[in-house]
Amino acid sequence: MPQAIDCFRSSTLGWLRGTLAGWGTILLLLAGLVGSIWALAQRPVDGWAWLFPVAFVAGVAILLAKWVANLATTYEVTEDRLILHRGIVRKSIDEIELYRIKDVRIDFTIVNQLADLGTISITSSDETTRDAPLVIRDVDHARARRETLRTLVDTARRSRGVREIDMVHEDLGEPLA
């Protein structure tokens, strides 16, 4: 089996620090924790003080759900393949040959840029991405990983002698006579 060049997952910590949803979860956790401590210090406890522990538990539940979702998929890049390892209890392995990749796109918001986080979308002629692009969210060092992937795609195409040709009808867009 070829040696892995890069192996990564979507980052839960990156999601926390690099998205508005992550910031909201941190705020929910902090408000719940500080509010719970404040509510315990108050005697007698107000009727609405139960909201603080509920907010904290909700924040923990959101964080755990995101962590488990990110734990379920690992991406491995070799010289000629992008390998997806999916699942925790029931596992599956899917591969995309790098020479089949047509486009590697990166999207990021202003908040993502501050955290060096991004979303990588991969379109290929492989069955894995035939219906929709493969979207890898919350990727740490997304720009560098995208550039590495593009370089590997070019190398894989050259080594196999493959060229990308787009087939377009020449008469598209012309009015019918």
N, C-alpha and C. Protein backbone atom coordinates (compact mmCIF):
# COMPACT_ATOMS: atom_id res chain seq x y z
N MET A 1 0.85 -1.18 0.00
CA MET A 1 0.00 0.00 0.00
C MET A 1 0.89 1.24 0.00
N PRO A 2 0.53 2.24 -0.81
CA PRO A 2 1.34 3.46 -0.89
C PRO A 2 1.41 4.18 0.46
N GLN A 3 2.50 4.87 0.66
CA GLN A 3 2.73 5.64 1.89
C GLN A 3 1.81 6.86 1.93
N ALA A 4 1.21 7.12 3.07
CA ALA A 4 0.32 8.28 3.24
C ALA A 4 1.16 9.55 3.28
N ILE A 5 0.76 10.52 2.48
CA ILE A 5 1.41 11.83 2.47
C ILE A 5 0.77 12.74 3.51
N ASP A 6 -0.55 12.62 3.66
CA ASP A 6 -1.29 13.42 4.62
C ASP A 6 -2.47 12.60 5.12
N CYS A 7 -2.78 12.75 6.38
CA CYS A 7 -3.93 12.07 6.98
C CYS A 7 -4.59 13.08 7.92
N PHE A 8 -5.88 13.33 7.73
CA PHE A 8 -6.54 14.36 8.54
C PHE A 8 -8.02 14.07 8.69
N ARG A 9 -8.65 14.80 9.60
CA ARG A 9 -10.09 14.77 9.85
C ARG A 9 -10.59 16.21 9.86
N SER A 10 -11.90 16.35 9.77
CA SER A 10 -12.47 17.65 10.04
C SER A 10 -12.16 17.96 11.50
N SER A 11 -11.81 19.19 11.77
CA SER A 11 -11.33 19.57 13.09
C SER A 11 -12.44 20.13 13.97
N THR A 12 -12.68 19.46 15.10
CA THR A 12 -13.67 19.96 16.05
C THR A 12 -13.17 21.24 16.70
N LEU A 13 -11.91 21.27 17.08
CA LEU A 13 -11.33 22.48 17.67
C LEU A 13 -11.34 23.62 16.65
N GLY A 14 -11.01 23.29 15.40
CA GLY A 14 -11.07 24.30 14.34
C GLY A 14 -12.48 24.83 14.16
N TRP A 15 -13.47 23.93 14.22
CA TRP A 15 -14.87 24.34 14.12
C TRP A 15 -15.23 25.28 15.25
N LEU A 16 -14.76 24.98 16.47
CA LEU A 16 -15.05 25.84 17.62
C LEU A 16 -14.47 27.24 17.45
N ARG A 17 -13.23 27.32 17.00
CA ARG A 17 -12.57 28.62 16.93
C ARG A 17 -12.76 29.33 15.59
N GLY A 18 -13.22 28.60 14.57
CA GLY A 18 -13.25 29.18 13.24
C GLY A 18 -14.61 29.30 12.58
N THR A 19 -15.69 29.08 13.33
CA THR A 19 -17.03 29.25 12.75
C THR A 19 -17.93 29.98 13.75
N LEU A 20 -18.93 30.64 13.22
CA LEU A 20 -19.87 31.32 14.10
C LEU A 20 -20.66 30.32 14.94
N ALA A 21 -20.96 29.15 14.38
CA ALA A 21 -21.65 28.11 15.16
C ALA A 21 -20.77 27.64 16.31
N GLY A 22 -19.47 27.51 16.07
CA GLY A 22 -18.54 27.14 17.13
C GLY A 22 -18.47 28.20 18.21
N TRP A 23 -18.41 29.46 17.79
CA TRP A 23 -18.39 30.56 18.76
C TRP A 23 -19.67 30.55 19.59
N GLY A 24 -20.81 30.29 18.94
CA GLY A 24 -22.08 30.22 19.66
C GLY A 24 -22.09 29.08 20.68
N THR A 25 -21.48 27.95 20.31
CA THR A 25 -21.40 26.82 21.24
C THR A 25 -20.53 27.17 22.44
N ILE A 26 -19.39 27.83 22.19
CA ILE A 26 -18.52 28.27 23.29
C ILE A 26 -19.28 29.23 24.20
N LEU A 27 -20.01 30.16 23.61
CA LEU A 27 -20.79 31.12 24.38
C LEU A 27 -21.86 30.40 25.21
N LEU A 28 -22.51 29.41 24.62
CA LEU A 28 -23.52 28.63 25.33
C LEU A 28 -22.90 27.89 26.52
N LEU A 29 -21.73 27.29 26.30
CA LEU A 29 -21.03 26.58 27.37
C LEU A 29 -20.64 27.54 28.50
N LEU A 30 -20.04 28.67 28.13
CA LEU A 30 -19.61 29.64 29.14
C LEU A 30 -20.79 30.24 29.90
N ALA A 31 -21.83 30.62 29.17
CA ALA A 31 -23.00 31.20 29.83
C ALA A 31 -23.65 30.17 30.77
N GLY A 32 -23.72 28.93 30.33
CA GLY A 32 -24.29 27.90 31.18
C GLY A 32 -23.46 27.64 32.41
N LEU A 33 -22.13 27.60 32.26
CA LEU A 33 -21.24 27.33 33.38
C LEU A 33 -21.24 28.49 34.38
N VAL A 34 -21.03 29.70 33.88
CA VAL A 34 -20.98 30.87 34.76
C VAL A 34 -22.36 31.11 35.40
N GLY A 35 -23.41 30.96 34.61
CA GLY A 35 -24.76 31.14 35.14
C GLY A 35 -25.10 30.10 36.20
N SER A 36 -24.66 28.87 36.00
CA SER A 36 -24.92 27.81 36.99
C SER A 36 -24.21 28.12 38.30
N ILE A 37 -22.96 28.56 38.20
CA ILE A 37 -22.20 28.92 39.41
C ILE A 37 -22.87 30.10 40.10
N TRP A 38 -23.28 31.08 39.34
CA TRP A 38 -23.97 32.25 39.91
C TRP A 38 -25.29 31.84 40.56
N ALA A 39 -26.04 30.96 39.87
CA ALA A 39 -27.35 30.53 40.41
C ALA A 39 -27.17 29.76 41.71
N LEU A 40 -26.11 28.96 41.82
CA LEU A 40 -25.86 28.21 43.05
C LEU A 40 -25.48 29.13 44.20
N ALA A 41 -24.83 30.26 43.86
CA ALA A 41 -24.42 31.20 44.90
C ALA A 41 -25.60 32.02 45.43
N GLN A 42 -26.66 32.11 44.67
CA GLN A 42 -27.84 32.88 45.08
C GLN A 42 -28.69 32.07 46.05
N ARG A 43 -29.13 32.69 47.11
CA ARG A 43 -30.05 32.06 48.05
C ARG A 43 -31.19 33.02 48.29
N PRO A 44 -32.39 32.72 48.01
CA PRO A 44 -32.93 31.52 47.37
C PRO A 44 -32.70 31.58 45.85
N VAL A 45 -32.76 30.43 45.23
CA VAL A 45 -32.53 30.33 43.78
C VAL A 45 -33.78 30.82 43.06
N ASP A 46 -33.57 31.66 42.06
CA ASP A 46 -34.69 32.19 41.27
C ASP A 46 -35.35 31.09 40.46
N GLY A 47 -36.57 31.33 40.02
CA GLY A 47 -37.35 30.34 39.28
C GLY A 47 -36.79 30.00 37.91
N TRP A 48 -36.02 30.91 37.30
CA TRP A 48 -35.49 30.67 35.96
C TRP A 48 -34.03 30.21 35.98
N ALA A 49 -33.46 30.00 37.13
CA ALA A 49 -32.04 29.61 37.23
C ALA A 49 -31.77 28.23 36.63
N TRP A 50 -32.77 27.40 36.46
CA TRP A 50 -32.58 26.07 35.87
C TRP A 50 -32.14 26.16 34.41
N LEU A 51 -32.33 27.33 33.77
CA LEU A 51 -31.92 27.48 32.37
C LEU A 51 -30.40 27.38 32.18
N PHE A 52 -29.65 27.81 33.17
CA PHE A 52 -28.19 27.79 33.03
C PHE A 52 -27.62 26.39 32.90
N PRO A 53 -27.98 25.44 33.78
CA PRO A 53 -27.47 24.08 33.59
C PRO A 53 -27.97 23.45 32.28
N VAL A 54 -29.19 23.79 31.87
CA VAL A 54 -29.72 23.28 30.61
C VAL A 54 -28.89 23.81 29.44
N ALA A 55 -28.52 25.09 29.49
CA ALA A 55 -27.68 25.69 28.44
C ALA A 55 -26.32 25.00 28.40
N PHE A 56 -25.74 24.73 29.57
CA PHE A 56 -24.44 24.06 29.62
C PHE A 56 -24.53 22.65 29.03
N VAL A 57 -25.56 21.90 29.41
CA VAL A 57 -25.74 20.54 28.89
C VAL A 57 -25.97 20.57 27.38
N ALA A 58 -26.74 21.55 26.90
CA ALA A 58 -26.97 21.68 25.46
C ALA A 58 -25.66 21.96 24.73
N GLY A 59 -24.82 22.83 25.29
CA GLY A 59 -23.51 23.11 24.69
C GLY A 59 -22.63 21.88 24.64
N VAL A 60 -22.61 21.10 25.72
CA VAL A 60 -21.83 19.86 25.76
C VAL A 60 -22.37 18.87 24.73
N ALA A 61 -23.70 18.77 24.60
CA ALA A 61 -24.30 17.85 23.62
C ALA A 61 -23.93 18.24 22.19
N ILE A 62 -23.96 19.53 21.88
CA ILE A 62 -23.58 20.00 20.55
C ILE A 62 -22.11 19.67 20.28
N LEU A 63 -21.25 19.95 21.25
CA LEU A 63 -19.82 19.68 21.11
C LEU A 63 -19.55 18.19 20.92
N LEU A 64 -20.20 17.34 21.69
CA LEU A 64 -20.01 15.89 21.55
C LEU A 64 -20.52 15.38 20.21
N ALA A 65 -21.66 15.89 19.75
CA ALA A 65 -22.20 15.47 18.46
C ALA A 65 -21.25 15.84 17.33
N LYS A 66 -20.69 17.03 17.38
CA LYS A 66 -19.73 17.47 16.35
C LYS A 66 -18.47 16.63 16.41
N TRP A 67 -17.98 16.35 17.60
CA TRP A 67 -16.76 15.56 17.77
C TRP A 67 -16.95 14.15 17.22
N VAL A 68 -18.07 13.50 17.54
CA VAL A 68 -18.33 12.15 17.03
C VAL A 68 -18.46 12.16 15.51
N ALA A 69 -19.14 13.16 14.95
CA ALA A 69 -19.27 13.25 13.50
C ALA A 69 -17.90 13.41 12.84
N ASN A 70 -17.04 14.21 13.43
CA ASN A 70 -15.69 14.40 12.87
C ASN A 70 -14.82 13.17 13.06
N LEU A 71 -15.04 12.46 14.14
CA LEU A 71 -14.28 11.24 14.42
C LEU A 71 -14.62 10.13 13.42
N ALA A 72 -15.81 10.19 12.85
CA ALA A 72 -16.31 9.13 11.99
C ALA A 72 -15.65 9.08 10.61
N THR A 73 -15.02 10.16 10.17
CA THR A 73 -14.43 10.17 8.83
C THR A 73 -12.99 10.67 8.89
N THR A 74 -12.10 9.87 8.30
CA THR A 74 -10.69 10.24 8.17
C THR A 74 -10.34 10.28 6.70
N TYR A 75 -9.57 11.27 6.30
CA TYR A 75 -9.14 11.42 4.91
C TYR A 75 -7.64 11.15 4.86
N GLU A 76 -7.24 10.30 3.92
CA GLU A 76 -5.83 9.95 3.76
C GLU A 76 -5.45 10.23 2.31
N VAL A 77 -4.36 10.96 2.13
CA VAL A 77 -3.88 11.30 0.79
C VAL A 77 -2.57 10.55 0.55
N THR A 78 -2.54 9.79 -0.55
CA THR A 78 -1.31 9.12 -0.97
C THR A 78 -0.87 9.73 -2.30
N GLU A 79 0.15 9.19 -2.90
CA GLU A 79 0.65 9.73 -4.18
C GLU A 79 -0.38 9.61 -5.30
N ASP A 80 -1.27 8.62 -5.22
CA ASP A 80 -2.20 8.41 -6.32
C ASP A 80 -3.67 8.30 -5.91
N ARG A 81 -3.99 8.44 -4.62
CA ARG A 81 -5.38 8.28 -4.17
C ARG A 81 -5.72 9.22 -3.02
N LEU A 82 -7.01 9.53 -2.95
CA LEU A 82 -7.61 10.15 -1.77
C LEU A 82 -8.50 9.07 -1.18
N ILE A 83 -8.19 8.63 0.03
CA ILE A 83 -8.90 7.51 0.65
C ILE A 83 -9.76 8.04 1.79
N LEU A 84 -11.04 7.67 1.78
CA LEU A 84 -11.98 8.08 2.81
C LEU A 84 -12.28 6.87 3.69
N HIS A 85 -11.97 7.00 4.97
CA HIS A 85 -12.30 5.97 5.96
C HIS A 85 -13.50 6.51 6.72
N ARG A 86 -14.66 5.84 6.55
CA ARG A 86 -15.88 6.33 7.19
C ARG A 86 -16.40 5.32 8.19
N GLY A 87 -17.01 5.83 9.27
CA GLY A 87 -17.69 5.00 10.24
C GLY A 87 -16.91 4.78 11.51
N ILE A 88 -17.64 4.45 12.57
CA ILE A 88 -17.05 4.12 13.85
C ILE A 88 -17.33 2.66 14.16
N VAL A 89 -18.60 2.28 14.14
CA VAL A 89 -18.96 0.89 14.40
C VAL A 89 -18.97 0.10 13.09
N ARG A 90 -19.63 0.62 12.09
CA ARG A 90 -19.67 0.01 10.77
C ARG A 90 -18.79 0.86 9.85
N LYS A 91 -17.67 0.32 9.43
CA LYS A 91 -16.69 1.08 8.67
C LYS A 91 -16.78 0.79 7.19
N SER A 92 -16.41 1.80 6.40
CA SER A 92 -16.28 1.63 4.96
C SER A 92 -15.08 2.45 4.49
N ILE A 93 -14.48 1.98 3.40
CA ILE A 93 -13.34 2.67 2.81
C ILE A 93 -13.67 2.94 1.35
N ASP A 94 -13.51 4.19 0.94
CA ASP A 94 -13.77 4.59 -0.43
C ASP A 94 -12.54 5.32 -0.94
N GLU A 95 -12.24 5.17 -2.21
CA GLU A 95 -11.05 5.78 -2.79
C GLU A 95 -11.41 6.59 -4.02
N ILE A 96 -10.72 7.69 -4.19
CA ILE A 96 -10.81 8.48 -5.41
C ILE A 96 -9.40 8.52 -6.00
N GLU A 97 -9.27 8.02 -7.21
CA GLU A 97 -7.98 8.10 -7.90
C GLU A 97 -7.70 9.57 -8.20
N LEU A 98 -6.50 10.04 -7.86
CA LEU A 98 -6.19 11.46 -8.00
C LEU A 98 -6.26 11.93 -9.45
N TYR A 99 -5.90 11.06 -10.40
CA TYR A 99 -5.94 11.50 -11.80
C TYR A 99 -7.37 11.78 -12.28
N ARG A 100 -8.38 11.28 -11.54
CA ARG A 100 -9.78 11.50 -11.90
C ARG A 100 -10.33 12.81 -11.35
N ILE A 101 -9.61 13.46 -10.46
CA ILE A 101 -10.09 14.71 -9.85
C ILE A 101 -10.08 15.82 -10.90
N LYS A 102 -11.23 16.47 -11.04
CA LYS A 102 -11.37 17.54 -12.03
C LYS A 102 -11.16 18.91 -11.42
N ASP A 103 -11.64 19.08 -10.17
CA ASP A 103 -11.58 20.40 -9.57
C ASP A 103 -11.44 20.27 -8.05
N VAL A 104 -10.60 21.12 -7.48
CA VAL A 104 -10.45 21.20 -6.03
C VAL A 104 -10.73 22.65 -5.67
N ARG A 105 -11.80 22.86 -4.92
CA ARG A 105 -12.23 24.20 -4.56
C ARG A 105 -12.12 24.39 -3.06
N ILE A 106 -11.83 25.60 -2.65
CA ILE A 106 -11.78 25.90 -1.22
C ILE A 106 -12.68 27.10 -0.95
N ASP A 107 -13.48 26.99 0.08
CA ASP A 107 -14.37 28.07 0.51
C ASP A 107 -14.08 28.37 1.97
N PHE A 108 -14.11 29.66 2.30
CA PHE A 108 -13.91 30.05 3.70
C PHE A 108 -14.50 31.42 3.94
N THR A 109 -14.99 31.61 5.15
CA THR A 109 -15.54 32.89 5.56
C THR A 109 -14.43 33.73 6.20
N ILE A 110 -14.76 34.93 6.58
CA ILE A 110 -13.78 35.77 7.27
C ILE A 110 -13.35 35.12 8.57
N VAL A 111 -14.30 34.55 9.30
CA VAL A 111 -13.99 33.88 10.57
C VAL A 111 -13.09 32.67 10.31
N ASN A 112 -13.39 31.90 9.24
CA ASN A 112 -12.55 30.75 8.88
C ASN A 112 -11.12 31.18 8.58
N GLN A 113 -10.97 32.30 7.88
CA GLN A 113 -9.63 32.77 7.53
C GLN A 113 -8.81 33.10 8.77
N LEU A 114 -9.46 33.66 9.78
CA LEU A 114 -8.75 33.97 11.02
C LEU A 114 -8.20 32.72 11.69
N ALA A 115 -8.92 31.59 11.54
CA ALA A 115 -8.52 30.34 12.18
C ALA A 115 -7.76 29.41 11.23
N ASP A 116 -7.46 29.86 10.00
CA ASP A 116 -6.82 29.03 8.98
C ASP A 116 -7.60 27.73 8.78
N LEU A 117 -8.89 27.89 8.57
CA LEU A 117 -9.83 26.78 8.44
C LEU A 117 -10.57 26.96 7.12
N GLY A 118 -10.96 25.88 6.48
CA GLY A 118 -11.68 26.00 5.23
C GLY A 118 -12.49 24.76 4.91
N THR A 119 -13.28 24.88 3.86
CA THR A 119 -14.07 23.78 3.34
C THR A 119 -13.53 23.45 1.96
N ILE A 120 -13.10 22.21 1.76
CA ILE A 120 -12.56 21.77 0.48
C ILE A 120 -13.64 20.96 -0.23
N SER A 121 -13.91 21.32 -1.49
CA SER A 121 -14.87 20.59 -2.32
C SER A 121 -14.11 19.96 -3.48
N ILE A 122 -14.35 18.68 -3.70
CA ILE A 122 -13.63 17.94 -4.75
C ILE A 122 -14.65 17.38 -5.73
N THR A 123 -14.45 17.70 -7.00
CA THR A 123 -15.27 17.15 -8.08
C THR A 123 -14.38 16.24 -8.90
N SER A 124 -14.90 15.05 -9.20
CA SER A 124 -14.11 14.11 -10.00
C SER A 124 -15.03 13.29 -10.89
N SER A 125 -14.43 12.48 -11.74
CA SER A 125 -15.19 11.57 -12.59
C SER A 125 -15.41 10.23 -11.89
N ASP A 126 -15.00 10.13 -10.64
CA ASP A 126 -15.16 8.91 -9.85
C ASP A 126 -16.61 8.79 -9.37
N GLU A 127 -17.07 7.57 -9.14
CA GLU A 127 -18.43 7.33 -8.66
C GLU A 127 -18.71 8.05 -7.34
N THR A 128 -17.69 8.22 -6.51
CA THR A 128 -17.86 8.88 -5.21
C THR A 128 -18.42 10.29 -5.36
N THR A 129 -18.03 10.99 -6.43
CA THR A 129 -18.46 12.38 -6.59
C THR A 129 -19.29 12.59 -7.85
N ARG A 130 -19.85 11.53 -8.40
CA ARG A 130 -20.63 11.68 -9.63
C ARG A 130 -21.89 12.52 -9.40
N ASP A 131 -22.61 12.30 -8.29
CA ASP A 131 -23.85 13.03 -8.04
C ASP A 131 -23.62 14.42 -7.42
N ALA A 132 -22.62 14.52 -6.57
CA ALA A 132 -22.33 15.79 -5.90
C ALA A 132 -20.86 15.79 -5.49
N PRO A 133 -20.27 16.97 -5.38
CA PRO A 133 -18.87 17.02 -4.97
C PRO A 133 -18.66 16.45 -3.57
N LEU A 134 -17.47 15.94 -3.33
CA LEU A 134 -17.08 15.52 -1.98
C LEU A 134 -16.73 16.80 -1.22
N VAL A 135 -17.44 17.05 -0.13
CA VAL A 135 -17.23 18.27 0.65
C VAL A 135 -16.59 17.88 1.98
N ILE A 136 -15.41 18.45 2.23
CA ILE A 136 -14.69 18.20 3.48
C ILE A 136 -14.70 19.51 4.26
N ARG A 137 -15.47 19.55 5.33
CA ARG A 137 -15.65 20.78 6.11
C ARG A 137 -14.63 20.87 7.25
N ASP A 138 -14.41 22.09 7.68
CA ASP A 138 -13.61 22.38 8.87
C ASP A 138 -12.22 21.75 8.79
N VAL A 139 -11.51 22.03 7.70
CA VAL A 139 -10.17 21.47 7.48
C VAL A 139 -9.13 22.48 7.95
N ASP A 140 -8.29 22.07 8.92
CA ASP A 140 -7.17 22.91 9.34
C ASP A 140 -6.16 23.01 8.20
N HIS A 141 -5.55 24.16 8.05
CA HIS A 141 -4.54 24.41 7.01
C HIS A 141 -5.09 24.04 5.63
N ALA A 142 -6.32 24.47 5.36
CA ALA A 142 -7.02 24.07 4.13
C ALA A 142 -6.31 24.55 2.87
N ARG A 143 -5.75 25.74 2.88
CA ARG A 143 -5.06 26.25 1.68
C ARG A 143 -3.86 25.38 1.34
N ALA A 144 -3.06 25.06 2.34
CA ALA A 144 -1.87 24.23 2.11
C ALA A 144 -2.28 22.82 1.66
N ARG A 145 -3.31 22.27 2.26
CA ARG A 145 -3.77 20.93 1.87
C ARG A 145 -4.32 20.94 0.45
N ARG A 146 -5.01 21.99 0.07
CA ARG A 146 -5.53 22.10 -1.30
C ARG A 146 -4.37 22.15 -2.29
N GLU A 147 -3.37 22.95 -2.00
CA GLU A 147 -2.24 23.06 -2.92
C GLU A 147 -1.49 21.73 -3.04
N THR A 148 -1.31 21.04 -1.92
CA THR A 148 -0.67 19.72 -1.95
C THR A 148 -1.49 18.76 -2.82
N LEU A 149 -2.79 18.77 -2.64
CA LEU A 149 -3.67 17.90 -3.42
C LEU A 149 -3.60 18.24 -4.91
N ARG A 150 -3.61 19.51 -5.25
CA ARG A 150 -3.52 19.91 -6.67
C ARG A 150 -2.20 19.47 -7.28
N THR A 151 -1.12 19.61 -6.56
CA THR A 151 0.19 19.16 -7.06
C THR A 151 0.18 17.65 -7.28
N LEU A 152 -0.38 16.91 -6.34
CA LEU A 152 -0.45 15.46 -6.48
C LEU A 152 -1.35 15.04 -7.65
N VAL A 153 -2.45 15.77 -7.87
CA VAL A 153 -3.34 15.49 -9.01
C VAL A 153 -2.57 15.68 -10.31
N ASP A 154 -1.84 16.80 -10.44
CA ASP A 154 -1.06 17.06 -11.65
C ASP A 154 -0.01 15.98 -11.87
N THR A 155 0.67 15.57 -10.80
CA THR A 155 1.70 14.53 -10.90
C THR A 155 1.08 13.20 -11.32
N ALA A 156 -0.08 12.85 -10.74
CA ALA A 156 -0.75 11.58 -11.08
C ALA A 156 -1.21 11.60 -12.54
N ARG A 157 -1.69 12.71 -13.01
CA ARG A 157 -2.09 12.81 -14.42
C ARG A 157 -0.89 12.66 -15.36
N ARG A 158 0.20 13.34 -15.04
CA ARG A 158 1.40 13.24 -15.88
C ARG A 158 1.94 11.82 -15.91
N SER A 159 1.98 11.16 -14.75
CA SER A 159 2.54 9.81 -14.70
C SER A 159 1.68 8.80 -15.46
N ARG A 160 0.38 9.04 -15.57
CA ARG A 160 -0.52 8.15 -16.31
C ARG A 160 -0.78 8.62 -17.73
N GLY A 161 -0.28 9.79 -18.07
CA GLY A 161 -0.51 10.33 -19.41
C GLY A 161 -1.96 10.73 -19.65
N VAL A 162 -2.62 11.21 -18.59
CA VAL A 162 -4.04 11.57 -18.67
C VAL A 162 -4.16 13.08 -18.83
N ARG A 163 -5.09 13.50 -19.71
CA ARG A 163 -5.40 14.92 -19.88
C ARG A 163 -6.88 15.13 -19.65
N GLU A 164 -7.21 16.27 -19.11
CA GLU A 164 -8.60 16.63 -18.87
C GLU A 164 -9.15 17.30 -20.12
N ILE A 165 -10.25 16.76 -20.66
CA ILE A 165 -10.89 17.34 -21.83
C ILE A 165 -12.36 17.56 -21.49
N ASP A 166 -12.81 18.79 -21.64
CA ASP A 166 -14.22 19.11 -21.42
C ASP A 166 -14.94 19.03 -22.75
N MET A 167 -16.02 18.27 -22.77
CA MET A 167 -16.81 18.12 -23.98
C MET A 167 -18.00 19.07 -23.89
N VAL A 168 -18.03 20.07 -24.79
CA VAL A 168 -19.09 21.05 -24.79
C VAL A 168 -19.62 21.15 -26.21
N HIS A 169 -20.94 21.21 -26.34
CA HIS A 169 -21.54 21.40 -27.65
C HIS A 169 -21.24 22.81 -28.11
N GLU A 170 -20.80 22.95 -29.36
CA GLU A 170 -20.47 24.28 -29.87
C GLU A 170 -21.70 25.11 -30.13
N ASP A 171 -22.85 24.47 -30.31
CA ASP A 171 -24.06 25.21 -30.61
C ASP A 171 -24.83 25.65 -29.37
N LEU A 172 -24.31 25.37 -28.19
CA LEU A 172 -25.01 25.80 -26.98
C LEU A 172 -25.02 27.31 -26.88
N GLY A 173 -26.13 27.84 -26.55
CA GLY A 173 -26.25 29.30 -26.38
C GLY A 173 -26.63 30.03 -27.65
N GLU A 174 -26.61 29.34 -28.79
CA GLU A 174 -26.99 30.01 -30.03
C GLU A 174 -28.49 29.84 -30.23
N PRO A 175 -29.13 30.88 -30.73
CA PRO A 175 -30.57 30.76 -30.96
C PRO A 175 -30.87 29.77 -32.08
N LEU A 176 -31.96 29.05 -31.94
CA LEU A 176 -32.39 28.11 -32.98
C LEU A 176 -32.97 28.86 -34.16
N ALA A 177 -32.70 28.37 -35.37
CA ALA A 177 -33.20 29.05 -36.59
C ALA A 177 -34.61 28.66 -36.90
